[in-house]
C-alpha atoms as a PDB file:
ATOM      1  CA  UNK A   1      13.499 -18.442  28.578  1.00  0.00           C
ATOM      2  CA  UNK A   2      12.569 -15.913  25.884  1.00  0.00           C
ATOM      3  CA  UNK A   3      10.923 -17.067  22.874  1.00  0.00           C
ATOM      4  CA  UNK A   4      11.759 -15.903  19.294  1.00  0.00           C
ATOM      5  CA  UNK A   5      11.195 -12.235  18.739  1.00  0.00           C
ATOM      6  CA  UNK A   6      10.396 -12.536  14.872  1.00  0.00           C
ATOM      7  CA  UNK A   7       7.973 -15.352  15.447  1.00  0.00           C
ATOM      8  CA  UNK A   8       6.437 -13.525  18.722  1.00  0.00           C
ATOM      9  CA  UNK A   9       6.251 -10.306  16.493  1.00  0.00           C
ATOM     10  CA  UNK A  10       4.520 -11.809  13.804  1.00  0.00           C
ATOM     11  CA  UNK A  11       2.144 -13.616  15.767  1.00  0.00           C
ATOM     12  CA  UNK A  12       1.253 -10.626  17.842  1.00  0.00           C
ATOM     13  CA  UNK A  13       0.782  -8.365  14.589  1.00  0.00           C
ATOM     14  CA  UNK A  14      -1.518 -10.821  13.183  1.00  0.00           C
ATOM     15  CA  UNK A  15      -3.407 -10.975  16.720  1.00  0.00           C
ATOM     16  CA  UNK A  16      -3.677  -6.993  16.481  1.00  0.00           C
ATOM     17  CA  UNK A  17      -5.181  -7.377  13.139  1.00  0.00           C
ATOM     18  CA  UNK A  18      -7.879  -9.514  13.876  1.00  0.00           C
ATOM     19  CA  UNK A  19      -8.594  -8.062  17.356  1.00  0.00           C
ATOM     20  CA  UNK A  20      -7.924 -11.176  19.224  1.00  0.00           C
ATOM     21  CA  UNK A  21      -4.964  -9.610  20.829  1.00  0.00           C
ATOM     22  CA  UNK A  22      -5.278  -6.685  23.522  1.00  0.00           C
ATOM     23  CA  UNK A  23      -2.460  -4.149  24.241  1.00  0.00           C
ATOM     24  CA  UNK A  24      -2.092  -3.370  27.856  1.00  0.00           C
ATOM     25  CA  UNK A  25       0.285  -0.433  28.436  1.00  0.00           C
ATOM     26  CA  UNK A  26       2.641   0.258  31.420  1.00  0.00           C
ATOM     27  CA  UNK A  27       5.032   2.875  32.404  1.00  0.00           C
ATOM     28  CA  UNK A  28       7.472   2.295  29.732  1.00  0.00           C
ATOM     29  CA  UNK A  29       5.242   2.786  27.234  1.00  0.00           C
ATOM     30  CA  UNK A  30       5.776   6.385  27.900  1.00  0.00           C
ATOM     31  CA  UNK A  31       9.462   6.416  27.493  1.00  0.00           C
ATOM     32  CA  UNK A  32      10.502   9.206  25.007  1.00  0.00           C
ATOM     33  CA  UNK A  33       7.562  11.524  25.910  1.00  0.00           C
ATOM     34  CA  UNK A  34       8.604  15.100  27.036  1.00  0.00           C
ATOM     35  CA  UNK A  35       7.813  18.445  28.249  1.00  0.00           C
ATOM     36  CA  UNK A  36       8.669  20.237  25.178  1.00  0.00           C
ATOM     37  CA  UNK A  37       9.148  23.449  27.279  1.00  0.00           C
ATOM     38  CA  UNK A  38      11.764  21.932  29.686  1.00  0.00           C
ATOM     39  CA  UNK A  39      12.847  18.685  28.329  1.00  0.00           C
ATOM     40  CA  UNK A  40      11.689  16.911  31.225  1.00  0.00           C
ATOM     41  CA  UNK A  41      10.624  13.429  30.875  1.00  0.00           C
ATOM     42  CA  UNK A  42       6.897  12.712  31.792  1.00  0.00           C
ATOM     43  CA  UNK A  43       6.630  11.224  35.185  1.00  0.00           C
ATOM     44  CA  UNK A  44       5.384   7.531  34.757  1.00  0.00           C
ATOM     45  CA  UNK A  45       7.404   4.918  36.762  1.00  0.00           C
ATOM     46  CA  UNK A  46       7.323   4.805  40.456  1.00  0.00           C
ATOM     47  CA  UNK A  47      10.411   6.284  41.275  1.00  0.00           C
ATOM     48  CA  UNK A  48       9.678   9.641  38.784  1.00  0.00           C
ATOM     49  CA  UNK A  49       6.239   9.809  40.125  1.00  0.00           C
ATOM     50  CA  UNK A  50       7.203  10.119  43.829  1.00  0.00           C
ATOM     51  CA  UNK A  51      10.285  12.553  43.133  1.00  0.00           C
ATOM     52  CA  UNK A  52       7.887  14.980  41.003  1.00  0.00           C
ATOM     53  CA  UNK A  53       5.136  14.736  43.907  1.00  0.00           C
ATOM     54  CA  UNK A  54       7.797  15.420  46.360  1.00  0.00           C
ATOM     55  CA  UNK A  55       9.154  18.529  44.607  1.00  0.00           C
ATOM     56  CA  UNK A  56      12.034  16.421  43.217  1.00  0.00           C
ATOM     57  CA  UNK A  57      13.361  15.304  46.439  1.00  0.00           C
ATOM     58  CA  UNK A  58      13.573  11.655  47.442  1.00  0.00           C
ATOM     59  CA  UNK A  59      11.220  10.463  50.534  1.00  0.00           C
ATOM     60  CA  UNK A  60      12.173   7.871  53.306  1.00  0.00           C
ATOM     61  CA  UNK A  61      13.544   4.591  51.642  1.00  0.00           C
ATOM     62  CA  UNK A  62      10.188   2.616  52.947  1.00  0.00           C
ATOM     63  CA  UNK A  63       8.025   5.321  50.930  1.00  0.00           C
ATOM     64  CA  UNK A  64      10.399   5.072  47.873  1.00  0.00           C
ATOM     65  CA  UNK A  65       9.503   1.528  47.398  1.00  0.00           C
ATOM     66  CA  UNK A  66       6.412   1.923  45.628  1.00  0.00           C
ATOM     67  CA  UNK A  67       4.412   5.180  44.402  1.00  0.00           C
ATOM     68  CA  UNK A  68       0.953   4.084  46.200  1.00  0.00           C
ATOM     69  CA  UNK A  69       2.778   3.732  49.687  1.00  0.00           C
ATOM     70  CA  UNK A  70       4.308   7.341  48.942  1.00  0.00           C
ATOM     71  CA  UNK A  71       1.076   8.774  47.761  1.00  0.00           C
ATOM     72  CA  UNK A  72      -0.903   7.175  50.815  1.00  0.00           C
ATOM     73  CA  UNK A  73       1.812   9.368  53.188  1.00  0.00           C
ATOM     74  CA  UNK A  74       1.059  12.435  51.302  1.00  0.00           C
ATOM     75  CA  UNK A  75      -2.741  11.756  51.589  1.00  0.00           C
ATOM     76  CA  UNK A  76      -2.483  11.150  55.211  1.00  0.00           C
ATOM     77  CA  UNK A  77      -0.476  14.419  55.941  1.00  0.00           C
ATOM     78  CA  UNK A  78      -2.434  16.834  53.415  1.00  0.00           C
ATOM     79  CA  UNK A  79      -5.599  15.169  52.043  1.00  0.00           C
ATOM     80  CA  UNK A  80      -6.346  12.906  49.262  1.00  0.00           C
ATOM     81  CA  UNK A  81      -7.267  15.966  47.044  1.00  0.00           C
ATOM     82  CA  UNK A  82      -3.321  16.905  47.196  1.00  0.00           C
ATOM     83  CA  UNK A  83      -2.414  13.729  45.341  1.00  0.00           C
ATOM     84  CA  UNK A  84      -5.102  14.292  42.823  1.00  0.00           C
ATOM     85  CA  UNK A  85      -4.059  17.800  42.255  1.00  0.00           C
ATOM     86  CA  UNK A  86      -0.613  16.647  41.838  1.00  0.00           C
ATOM     87  CA  UNK A  87      -1.844  14.280  39.056  1.00  0.00           C
ATOM     88  CA  UNK A  88      -3.980  16.856  37.466  1.00  0.00           C
ATOM     89  CA  UNK A  89      -1.070  19.334  37.198  1.00  0.00           C
ATOM     90  CA  UNK A  90       1.317  16.505  35.631  1.00  0.00           C
ATOM     91  CA  UNK A  91      -1.206  14.943  33.377  1.00  0.00           C
ATOM     92  CA  UNK A  92      -3.926  17.543  32.547  1.00  0.00           C
ATOM     93  CA  UNK A  93      -2.016  20.906  32.973  1.00  0.00           C
ATOM     94  CA  UNK A  94       1.083  20.204  31.627  1.00  0.00           C
ATOM     95  CA  UNK A  95       1.702  19.749  27.659  1.00  0.00           C
ATOM     96  CA  UNK A  96       3.725  16.633  26.806  1.00  0.00           C
ATOM     97  CA  UNK A  97       4.877  15.547  23.094  1.00  0.00           C
ATOM     98  CA  UNK A  98       3.061  13.110  21.245  1.00  0.00           C
ATOM     99  CA  UNK A  99       4.142   9.086  21.375  1.00  0.00           C
ATOM    100  CA  UNK A 100       5.016   7.080  18.342  1.00  0.00           C
ATOM    101  CA  UNK A 101       3.412   4.212  20.127  1.00  0.00           C
ATOM    102  CA  UNK A 102       0.463   5.396  21.152  1.00  0.00           C
ATOM    103  CA  UNK A 103      -0.239   7.212  17.483  1.00  0.00           C
ATOM    104  CA  UNK A 104       0.702   3.535  15.849  1.00  0.00           C
ATOM    105  CA  UNK A 105      -1.974   1.789  18.169  1.00  0.00           C
ATOM    106  CA  UNK A 106      -4.718   4.099  17.364  1.00  0.00           C
ATOM    107  CA  UNK A 107      -3.918   3.674  13.606  1.00  0.00           C
ATOM    108  CA  UNK A 108      -4.671  -0.087  13.790  1.00  0.00           C
ATOM    109  CA  UNK A 109      -8.214   0.285  14.699  1.00  0.00           C
ATOM    110  CA  UNK A 110      -8.054  -1.712  17.604  1.00  0.00           C
ATOM    111  CA  UNK A 111     -11.410  -3.038  19.586  1.00  0.00           C
ATOM    112  CA  UNK A 112      -9.945  -2.915  22.926  1.00  0.00           C
ATOM    113  CA  UNK A 113      -6.805  -1.277  24.710  1.00  0.00           C
ATOM    114  CA  UNK A 114      -5.966  -1.303  28.439  1.00  0.00           C
ATOM    115  CA  UNK A 115      -3.899   1.706  29.385  1.00  0.00           C
ATOM    116  CA  UNK A 116      -2.640   1.538  33.176  1.00  0.00           C
ATOM    117  CA  UNK A 117      -1.072   4.889  32.980  1.00  0.00           C
ATOM    118  CA  UNK A 118      -2.711   8.057  33.762  1.00  0.00           C
ATOM    119  CA  UNK A 119      -2.012  10.133  31.232  1.00  0.00           C
ATOM    120  CA  UNK A 120      -4.187  11.395  28.307  1.00  0.00           C
ATOM    121  CA  UNK A 121      -1.895  10.418  25.216  1.00  0.00           C
ATOM    122  CA  UNK A 122      -3.564   7.623  24.095  1.00  0.00           C
ATOM    123  CA  UNK A 123      -7.331   9.441  24.587  1.00  0.00           C
ATOM    124  CA  UNK A 124      -6.107  12.332  22.274  1.00  0.00           C
ATOM    125  CA  UNK A 125      -4.975   9.560  19.880  1.00  0.00           C
ATOM    126  CA  UNK A 126      -8.529   8.240  19.605  1.00  0.00           C
ATOM    127  CA  UNK A 127     -10.277  11.813  19.698  1.00  0.00           C
ATOM    128  CA  UNK A 128     -10.969  11.871  15.931  1.00  0.00           C
ATOM    129  CA  UNK A 129     -13.159   8.699  16.367  1.00  0.00           C
ATOM    130  CA  UNK A 130     -16.117   7.930  18.248  1.00  0.00           C
ATOM    131  CA  UNK A 131     -14.989   5.469  21.332  1.00  0.00           C
ATOM    132  CA  UNK A 132     -15.989   4.368  24.781  1.00  0.00           C
ATOM    133  CA  UNK A 133     -13.751   5.348  28.001  1.00  0.00           C
ATOM    134  CA  UNK A 134     -13.755   3.256  30.927  1.00  0.00           C
ATOM    135  CA  UNK A 135     -12.070   5.077  34.022  1.00  0.00           C
ATOM    136  CA  UNK A 136     -11.492   3.038  37.149  1.00  0.00           C
ATOM    137  CA  UNK A 137     -12.835   4.780  40.560  1.00  0.00           C
ATOM    138  CA  UNK A 138     -12.070   3.972  44.215  1.00  0.00           C
ATOM    139  CA  UNK A 139     -13.496   5.047  47.514  1.00  0.00           C
ATOM    140  CA  UNK A 140     -16.750   6.331  46.082  1.00  0.00           C
ATOM    141  CA  UNK A 141     -20.394   6.212  47.685  1.00  0.00           C
ATOM    142  CA  UNK A 142     -23.745   5.851  46.043  1.00  0.00           C
ATOM    143  CA  UNK A 143     -22.527   3.202  43.668  1.00  0.00           C
ATOM    144  CA  UNK A 144     -21.687  -0.559  43.910  1.00  0.00           C
ATOM    145  CA  UNK A 145     -19.346  -0.491  40.896  1.00  0.00           C
ATOM    146  CA  UNK A 146     -15.714   1.061  40.629  1.00  0.00           C
ATOM    147  CA  UNK A 147     -15.888   2.546  37.175  1.00  0.00           C
ATOM    148  CA  UNK A 148     -17.372   5.312  35.349  1.00  0.00           C
ATOM    149  CA  UNK A 149     -18.293   5.254  31.564  1.00  0.00           C
ATOM    150  CA  UNK A 150     -18.069   7.686  28.775  1.00  0.00           C
ATOM    151  CA  UNK A 151     -18.800   8.007  25.221  1.00  0.00           C
ATOM    152  CA  UNK A 152     -16.687  10.216  22.767  1.00  0.00           C
ATOM    153  CA  UNK A 153     -18.659  11.510  19.912  1.00  0.00           C
ATOM    154  CA  UNK A 154     -15.265  11.818  17.857  1.00  0.00           C
ATOM    155  CA  UNK A 155     -17.100  14.750  15.953  1.00  0.00           C
ATOM    156  CA  UNK A 156     -16.099  17.958  17.429  1.00  0.00           C
ATOM    157  CA  UNK A 157     -12.444  19.235  17.614  1.00  0.00           C
ATOM    158  CA  UNK A 158     -10.645  16.791  19.814  1.00  0.00           C
ATOM    159  CA  UNK A 159     -14.011  15.057  20.234  1.00  0.00           C
ATOM    160  CA  UNK A 160     -16.549  15.307  23.464  1.00  0.00           C
ATOM    161  CA  UNK A 161     -16.994  13.222  26.316  1.00  0.00           C
ATOM    162  CA  UNK A 162     -20.381  12.629  27.861  1.00  0.00           C
ATOM    163  CA  UNK A 163     -21.097  10.256  30.774  1.00  0.00           C
ATOM    164  CA  UNK A 164     -23.207   6.862  30.024  1.00  0.00           C
ATOM    165  CA  UNK A 165     -24.641   4.112  31.907  1.00  0.00           C
ATOM    166  CA  UNK A 166     -23.769   0.498  30.959  1.00  0.00           C
ATOM    167  CA  UNK A 167     -27.043  -0.103  29.102  1.00  0.00           C
ATOM    168  CA  UNK A 168     -26.267   2.936  26.873  1.00  0.00           C
ATOM    169  CA  UNK A 169     -22.863   1.753  25.570  1.00  0.00           C
ATOM    170  CA  UNK A 170     -22.817   1.036  21.904  1.00  0.00           C
ATOM    171  CA  UNK A 171     -20.685  -2.237  21.826  1.00  0.00           C
ATOM    172  CA  UNK A 172     -19.446  -1.433  18.545  1.00  0.00           C
ATOM    173  CA  UNK A 173     -17.084   1.261  19.251  1.00  0.00           C
ATOM    174  CA  UNK A 174     -13.420   0.780  20.325  1.00  0.00           C
ATOM    175  CA  UNK A 175     -12.994   0.672  24.174  1.00  0.00           C
ATOM    176  CA  UNK A 176     -10.202   2.317  25.925  1.00  0.00           C
ATOM    177  CA  UNK A 177      -9.732   1.064  29.643  1.00  0.00           C
ATOM    178  CA  UNK A 178      -8.010   3.400  32.123  1.00  0.00           C
ATOM    179  CA  UNK A 179      -8.027   1.442  35.175  1.00  0.00           C
ATOM    180  CA  UNK A 180      -5.789   3.534  37.092  1.00  0.00           C
ATOM    181  CA  UNK A 181      -7.524   6.868  36.225  1.00  0.00           C
ATOM    182  CA  UNK A 182      -7.252  10.000  33.760  1.00  0.00           C
ATOM    183  CA  UNK A 183      -7.882  13.678  34.215  1.00  0.00           C
ATOM    184  CA  UNK A 184     -10.094  13.773  31.219  1.00  0.00           C
ATOM    185  CA  UNK A 185     -13.042  14.449  30.896  1.00  0.00           C
ATOM    186  CA  UNK A 186     -12.928  14.375  34.846  1.00  0.00           C
ATOM    187  CA  UNK A 187     -10.477  13.727  37.347  1.00  0.00           C
ATOM    188  CA  UNK A 188     -10.372  10.109  38.729  1.00  0.00           C
ATOM    189  CA  UNK A 189      -7.495   8.412  40.149  1.00  0.00           C
ATOM    190  CA  UNK A 190      -6.275   5.241  41.523  1.00  0.00           C
ATOM    191  CA  UNK A 191      -3.081   6.205  43.428  1.00  0.00           C
ATOM    192  CA  UNK A 192      -2.802   5.440  47.159  1.00  0.00           C
ATOM    193  CA  UNK A 193      -2.561   2.351  49.012  1.00  0.00           C
ATOM    194  CA  UNK A 194      -6.244   2.972  50.226  1.00  0.00           C
ATOM    195  CA  UNK A 195      -7.316   3.314  46.461  1.00  0.00           C
ATOM    196  CA  UNK A 196      -5.634   0.208  45.454  1.00  0.00           C
ATOM    197  CA  UNK A 197      -6.890  -1.691  48.697  1.00  0.00           C
ATOM    198  CA  UNK A 198     -10.681  -0.451  47.422  1.00  0.00           C
ATOM    199  CA  UNK A 199     -10.004  -1.053  44.054  1.00  0.00           C
ATOM    200  CA  UNK A 200      -8.622  -4.360  43.718  1.00  0.00           C
ATOM    201  CA  UNK A 201     -11.013  -5.660  46.203  1.00  0.00           C
ATOM    202  CA  UNK A 202     -13.964  -4.688  43.961  1.00  0.00           C
ATOM    203  CA  UNK A 203     -12.127  -6.047  40.728  1.00  0.00           C
ATOM    204  CA  UNK A 204     -11.856  -9.427  42.510  1.00  0.00           C
ATOM    205  CA  UNK A 205     -15.615  -9.215  43.296  1.00  0.00           C
ATOM    206  CA  UNK A 206     -16.338  -8.225  39.817  1.00  0.00           C
ATOM    207  CA  UNK A 207     -17.392  -4.902  40.499  1.00  0.00           C
ATOM    208  CA  UNK A 208     -14.793  -2.889  38.633  1.00  0.00           C
ATOM    209  CA  UNK A 209     -15.112  -4.093  35.307  1.00  0.00           C
ATOM    210  CA  UNK A 210     -18.465  -3.534  33.133  1.00  0.00           C
ATOM    211  CA  UNK A 211     -20.513  -6.657  31.997  1.00  0.00           C
ATOM    212  CA  UNK A 212     -20.185  -6.035  28.448  1.00  0.00           C
ATOM    213  CA  UNK A 213     -16.210  -5.808  28.974  1.00  0.00           C
ATOM    214  CA  UNK A 214     -16.598  -9.412  30.762  1.00  0.00           C
ATOM    215  CA  UNK A 215     -18.331 -10.816  27.847  1.00  0.00           C
ATOM    216  CA  UNK A 216     -15.930  -9.612  25.308  1.00  0.00           C
ATOM    217  CA  UNK A 217     -12.499 -10.082  26.839  1.00  0.00           C
ATOM    218  CA  UNK A 218     -13.376 -13.767  27.171  1.00  0.00           C
ATOM    219  CA  UNK A 219     -10.494 -15.741  25.182  1.00  0.00           C
ATOM    220  CA  UNK A 220      -8.329 -12.772  24.272  1.00  0.00           C
ATOM    221  CA  UNK A 221      -4.699 -12.856  24.482  1.00  0.00           C
ATOM    222  CA  UNK A 222      -3.021  -9.841  25.856  1.00  0.00           C
ATOM    223  CA  UNK A 223       0.399  -8.037  24.878  1.00  0.00           C
ATOM    224  CA  UNK A 224       2.139  -6.029  27.859  1.00  0.00           C
ATOM    225  CA  UNK A 225       3.692  -2.915  26.475  1.00  0.00           C
ATOM    226  CA  UNK A 226       6.460  -1.479  28.998  1.00  0.00           C
ATOM    227  CA  UNK A 227       4.562  -2.953  31.910  1.00  0.00           C
ATOM    228  CA  UNK A 228       7.068  -3.975  34.932  1.00  0.00           C
ATOM    229  CA  UNK A 229       5.923  -6.721  36.999  1.00  0.00           C
ATOM    230  CA  UNK A 230       8.153  -6.201  39.965  1.00  0.00           C
ATOM    231  CA  UNK A 231       5.327  -5.160  42.405  1.00  0.00           C
ATOM    232  CA  UNK A 232       2.176  -6.679  43.693  1.00  0.00           C
ATOM    233  CA  UNK A 233       0.299  -3.697  42.562  1.00  0.00           C
ATOM    234  CA  UNK A 234       0.653  -4.367  38.899  1.00  0.00           C
ATOM    235  CA  UNK A 235       0.607  -7.856  39.221  1.00  0.00           C
ATOM    236  CA  UNK A 236      -2.966  -7.880  40.937  1.00  0.00           C
ATOM    237  CA  UNK A 237      -4.411  -5.442  38.970  1.00  0.00           C
ATOM    238  CA  UNK A 238      -3.150  -7.036  35.611  1.00  0.00           C
ATOM    239  CA  UNK A 239      -4.381 -10.749  37.166  1.00  0.00           C
ATOM    240  CA  UNK A 240      -7.897  -9.142  37.486  1.00  0.00           C
ATOM    241  CA  UNK A 241      -8.261  -7.380  33.987  1.00  0.00           C
ATOM    242  CA  UNK A 242      -7.012 -10.333  31.932  1.00  0.00           C
ATOM    243  CA  UNK A 243      -9.531 -12.946  33.767  1.00  0.00           C
ATOM    244  CA  UNK A 244     -10.719 -15.393  31.294  1.00  0.00           C
ATOM    245  CA  UNK A 245      -7.805 -14.797  28.870  1.00  0.00           C
ATOM    246  CA  UNK A 246      -7.154 -17.527  25.864  1.00  0.00           C
ATOM    247  CA  UNK A 247      -4.226 -19.996  26.960  1.00  0.00           C
ATOM    248  CA  UNK A 248      -1.316 -19.010  26.131  1.00  0.00           C
ATOM    249  CA  UNK A 249      -2.500 -15.715  27.495  1.00  0.00           C
ATOM    250  CA  UNK A 250      -0.172 -13.432  25.362  1.00  0.00           C
ATOM    251  CA  UNK A 251       2.929 -11.879  25.608  1.00  0.00           C
ATOM    252  CA  UNK A 252       5.114  -9.538  27.739  1.00  0.00           C
ATOM    253  CA  UNK A 253       7.696  -7.343  26.043  1.00  0.00           C
ATOM    254  CA  UNK A 254      10.161  -6.755  28.690  1.00  0.00           C
ATOM    255  CA  UNK A 255      13.916  -6.416  27.848  1.00  0.00           C
ATOM    256  CA  UNK A 256      15.528  -7.809  31.086  1.00  0.00           C
ATOM    257  CA  UNK A 257      12.739  -9.688  32.570  1.00  0.00           C
ATOM    258  CA  UNK A 258      13.813 -10.543  36.494  1.00  0.00           C
ATOM    259  CA  UNK A 259      13.391 -14.109  37.604  1.00  0.00           C
ATOM    260  CA  UNK A 260       9.948 -12.744  39.728  1.00  0.00           C
ATOM    261  CA  UNK A 261       8.612 -11.400  36.707  1.00  0.00           C
ATOM    262  CA  UNK A 262       9.130 -14.663  34.433  1.00  0.00           C
ATOM    263  CA  UNK A 263       7.732 -16.758  37.315  1.00  0.00           C
ATOM    264  CA  UNK A 264       4.589 -14.702  37.495  1.00  0.00           C
ATOM    265  CA  UNK A 265       4.315 -14.585  33.424  1.00  0.00           C
ATOM    266  CA  UNK A 266       4.614 -18.243  33.517  1.00  0.00           C
ATOM    267  CA  UNK A 267       1.665 -18.658  36.271  1.00  0.00           C
ATOM    268  CA  UNK A 268      -0.498 -16.392  33.955  1.00  0.00           C
ATOM    269  CA  UNK A 269       0.435 -18.380  30.850  1.00  0.00           C
ATOM    270  CA  UNK A 270       2.284 -15.418  29.206  1.00  0.00           C
ATOM    271  CA  UNK A 271       5.296 -15.891  26.937  1.00  0.00           C
ATOM    272  CA  UNK A 272       8.204 -13.300  27.871  1.00  0.00           C
ATOM    273  CA  UNK A 273       9.779 -11.599  24.877  1.00  0.00           C
ATOM    274  CA  UNK A 274      13.008 -10.010  25.522  1.00  0.00           C
ATOM    275  CA  UNK A 275      12.076  -6.643  23.573  1.00  0.00           C
ATOM    276  CA  UNK A 276      10.500  -3.424  24.124  1.00  0.00           C
ATOM    277  CA  UNK A 277       7.913  -1.324  22.226  1.00  0.00           C
ATOM    278  CA  UNK A 278      10.233   0.145  20.068  1.00  0.00           C
ATOM    279  CA  UNK A 279      11.224  -3.361  18.727  1.00  0.00           C
ATOM    280  CA  UNK A 280       7.510  -4.152  17.949  1.00  0.00           C
ATOM    281  CA  UNK A 281       6.948  -0.924  16.031  1.00  0.00           C
ATOM    282  CA  UNK A 282      10.404  -1.377  13.900  1.00  0.00           C
ATOM    283  CA  UNK A 283       8.603  -4.938  13.195  1.00  0.00           C
ATOM    284  CA  UNK A 284       5.552  -3.552  12.432  1.00  0.00           C
ATOM    285  CA  UNK A 285       7.053  -1.174  10.017  1.00  0.00           C
ATOM    286  CA  UNK A 286       9.102  -3.774   8.295  1.00  0.00           C
ATOM    287  CA  UNK A 287       5.590  -5.955   7.839  1.00  0.00           C
ATOM    288  CA  UNK A 288       3.816  -2.994   6.698  1.00  0.00           C
ATOM    289  CA  UNK A 289       6.474  -2.297   4.190  1.00  0.00           C
ATOM    290  CA  UNK A 290       6.627  -5.868   2.928  1.00  0.00           C
ATOM    291  CA  UNK A 291       2.883  -5.932   2.637  1.00  0.00           C
ATOM    292  CA  UNK A 292       2.713  -3.067   0.282  1.00  0.00           C
ATOM    293  CA  UNK A 293       5.534  -3.983  -1.600  1.00  0.00           C
ATOM    294  CA  UNK A 294       3.815  -7.335  -2.212  1.00  0.00           C
ATOM    295  CA  UNK A 295       0.816  -5.428  -3.192  1.00  0.00           C
ATOM    296  CA  UNK A 296       2.496  -3.377  -5.790  1.00  0.00           C
ATOM    297  CA  UNK A 297       4.098  -6.720  -6.989  1.00  0.00           C
ATOM    298  CA  UNK A 298       0.631  -8.296  -7.593  1.00  0.00           C
ATOM    299  CA  UNK A 299      -0.811  -5.191  -9.157  1.00  0.00           C
ATOM    300  CA  UNK A 300       1.985  -5.079 -11.754  1.00  0.00           C
ATOM    301  CA  UNK A 301       1.696  -8.620 -12.465  1.00  0.00           C
ATOM    302  CA  UNK A 302      -2.299  -8.118 -12.983  1.00  0.00           C
ATOM    303  CA  UNK A 303      -1.573  -5.190 -15.153  1.00  0.00           C
ATOM    304  CA  UNK A 304       1.328  -6.952 -17.463  1.00  0.00           C
ATOM    305  CA  UNK A 305      -1.081 -10.109 -17.773  1.00  0.00           C
ATOM    306  CA  UNK A 306      -3.939  -7.913 -18.988  1.00  0.00           C
ATOM    307  CA  UNK A 307      -5.944  -8.443 -15.999  1.00  0.00           C
ATOM    308  CA  UNK A 308      -5.619 -12.231 -16.082  1.00  0.00           C
ATOM    309  CA  UNK A 309      -4.448 -14.407 -13.412  1.00  0.00           C
ATOM    310  CA  UNK A 310      -0.523 -15.060 -13.324  1.00  0.00           C
ATOM    311  CA  UNK A 311       0.564 -18.334 -12.360  1.00  0.00           C
END
């Protein structure tokens, strides 16, 4: 059963404010983002990504089941670089509109955000401030780890990323974790079945997440925003990233959760909220308006009392 939205939103907003709640973005967090030149929605969910990758044409039903399966098919036929080039065209070379959700999250000065999409909107929203970027990697040689670290100086226009090692991380900076990749500052993606097999295996083995994040994430609660949980891929990645979460482990905002999703959330100790990211933004706006009103009332009372406390 879904919990009361108003109560959940109050707890979520309080947790975001004190840093104990970690937003975890899924494909529906990109709802409303379009290419202003064509009006085309950004490909984000499995079906839209498959259609965009295959020139707008559906693939065989067994390949339409999930994007990693379709990407594996393209990789076997045309090479791994073909999938990466498609994702570069989609997320690096196409201009997309901004997102109210991403901009609002950036305004909250959150210490840690997980974004399981492959776009750059959140990075651009954080470009004006120093931050640490963690990018997931798969099927690489020369390293035991399945991530790459970058630090953004937040100083130059749009910020500038430089690659860093774990020992060089400034743990006081906000952390953006892009487990499935991004084209900026370098193109790295987790896309095909083979990518996910390697990445999830290393996540389970402890090599997919930096040591400083493993320490920092203990006891955190998570806020799932726009993340469908109907496929094993999303569930496996989420399970490993939120390892060590508090209990209850957080909330999942899913308007019409399936029974399968509800069972999985119960297994993780997460509460289902029948709402979406837009509902959260409305609740946040109301909360901010109320706080501003109470502040004005308090200031007016102090002014009327000549600076003396008003009982």
